[in-house]
Protein backbone atom coordinates (compact mmCIF):
# COMPACT_ATOMS: atom_id res chain seq x y z
CA MET A 1 8.13 -5.72 -12.34
CA ASN A 2 8.01 -1.87 -12.08
CA GLN A 3 7.98 -0.28 -8.05
CA GLU A 4 3.75 0.12 -8.97
CA MET A 5 3.57 -2.91 -10.01
CA GLU A 6 5.54 -4.80 -7.13
CA PHE A 7 3.92 -2.33 -5.09
CA LYS A 8 -0.28 -3.67 -6.23
CA ASN A 9 1.19 -7.66 -5.96
CA ILE A 10 1.56 -6.33 -2.41
CA VAL A 11 -1.86 -4.73 -1.77
CA ALA A 12 -3.05 -7.59 -3.52
CA GLN A 13 -2.38 -9.97 -0.94
CA TYR A 14 -4.57 -8.27 1.75
CA SER A 15 -7.66 -8.15 -0.88
CA LYS A 16 -10.06 -9.58 -2.49
CA VAL A 17 -9.25 -6.96 -5.71
CA ALA A 18 -6.23 -8.11 -7.90
CA SER A 19 -3.64 -5.90 -8.89
CA GLU A 20 -4.68 -5.28 -12.21
CA GLU A 21 -8.38 -4.07 -11.45
CA MET A 22 -6.52 -1.72 -8.55
CA ASN A 23 -6.84 2.36 -9.70
CA ASN A 24 -4.97 4.83 -7.74
CA GLU A 25 -8.09 6.64 -6.35
CA MET A 26 -9.01 3.29 -4.15
CA ARG A 27 -9.18 3.37 -0.66
CA PHE A 28 -7.35 0.46 1.24
CA ARG A 29 -10.63 0.32 4.42
CA GLU A 30 -13.80 0.70 2.14
CA ASP A 31 -12.62 -0.17 -1.35
CA LEU A 32 -10.17 -2.79 -0.60
CA GLY A 33 -11.69 -4.25 2.33
CA PHE A 34 -8.26 -3.81 5.01
CA SER A 35 -8.63 -4.41 8.43
CA SER A 36 -6.48 -2.54 10.59
CA LEU A 37 -4.06 -5.56 11.01
CA ASP A 38 -3.62 -5.86 7.53
CA PHE A 39 -3.21 -2.59 6.94
CA MET A 40 -0.05 -2.59 9.96
CA SER A 41 1.39 -6.13 7.63
CA PHE A 42 0.85 -4.50 4.85
CA LEU A 43 3.30 -1.30 5.83
CA GLY A 44 5.70 -4.21 7.36
CA GLU A 45 5.78 -6.28 3.83
CA LEU A 46 6.62 -3.15 2.12
CA GLU A 47 9.61 -1.56 4.47
CA ASP A 48 10.94 -5.19 3.40
CA THR A 49 10.06 -5.30 0.15
CA PHE A 50 11.66 -1.75 -0.58
CA ASP A 51 14.04 -1.36 1.67
CA LEU A 52 12.74 1.50 3.99
CA GLU A 53 11.28 2.74 7.04
CA LEU A 54 8.07 4.48 7.11
CA ASP A 55 7.22 7.01 9.58
CA GLU A 56 3.83 6.09 11.66
CA SER A 57 2.74 9.87 11.73
CA GLU A 58 3.07 10.15 8.21
CA VAL A 59 1.57 6.73 7.20
CA LEU A 60 -2.18 7.51 9.59
CA LYS A 61 -2.96 9.75 7.18
CA ILE A 62 -3.10 7.57 4.14
CA THR A 63 -6.13 6.76 2.77
CA THR A 64 -5.67 5.65 -0.90
CA LEU A 65 -3.26 3.72 -2.96
CA GLY A 66 -2.22 6.96 -5.06
CA GLU A 67 -1.37 8.78 -1.42
CA ALA A 68 0.49 5.25 -0.70
CA LEU A 69 2.34 5.17 -3.83
CA ASN A 70 3.24 8.57 -3.78
CA LEU A 71 5.02 8.27 -0.49
CA LEU A 72 6.71 5.10 -1.39
CA GLU A 73 8.56 7.02 -4.36
CA GLU A 74 9.37 10.23 -2.01
CA LEU A 75 11.38 7.99 0.00
CA GLN A 76 12.90 6.20 -2.25
């Protein structure tokens, strides 16, 4: 499984949108229905899955799936 699909599968655990229906312009809160708690839990799962440490100041700027994927790629 490639990194983007693995990422979207994690997102799908917190959303009512199936991973195959997601696009990079979707916003976590507005389009995917994430609460603040969902987002923080999601970030923790990303850190564990991809073995990285996220900078909170950078993460708080993220609003779309594409922005999150770009950050993930930069950190890998």
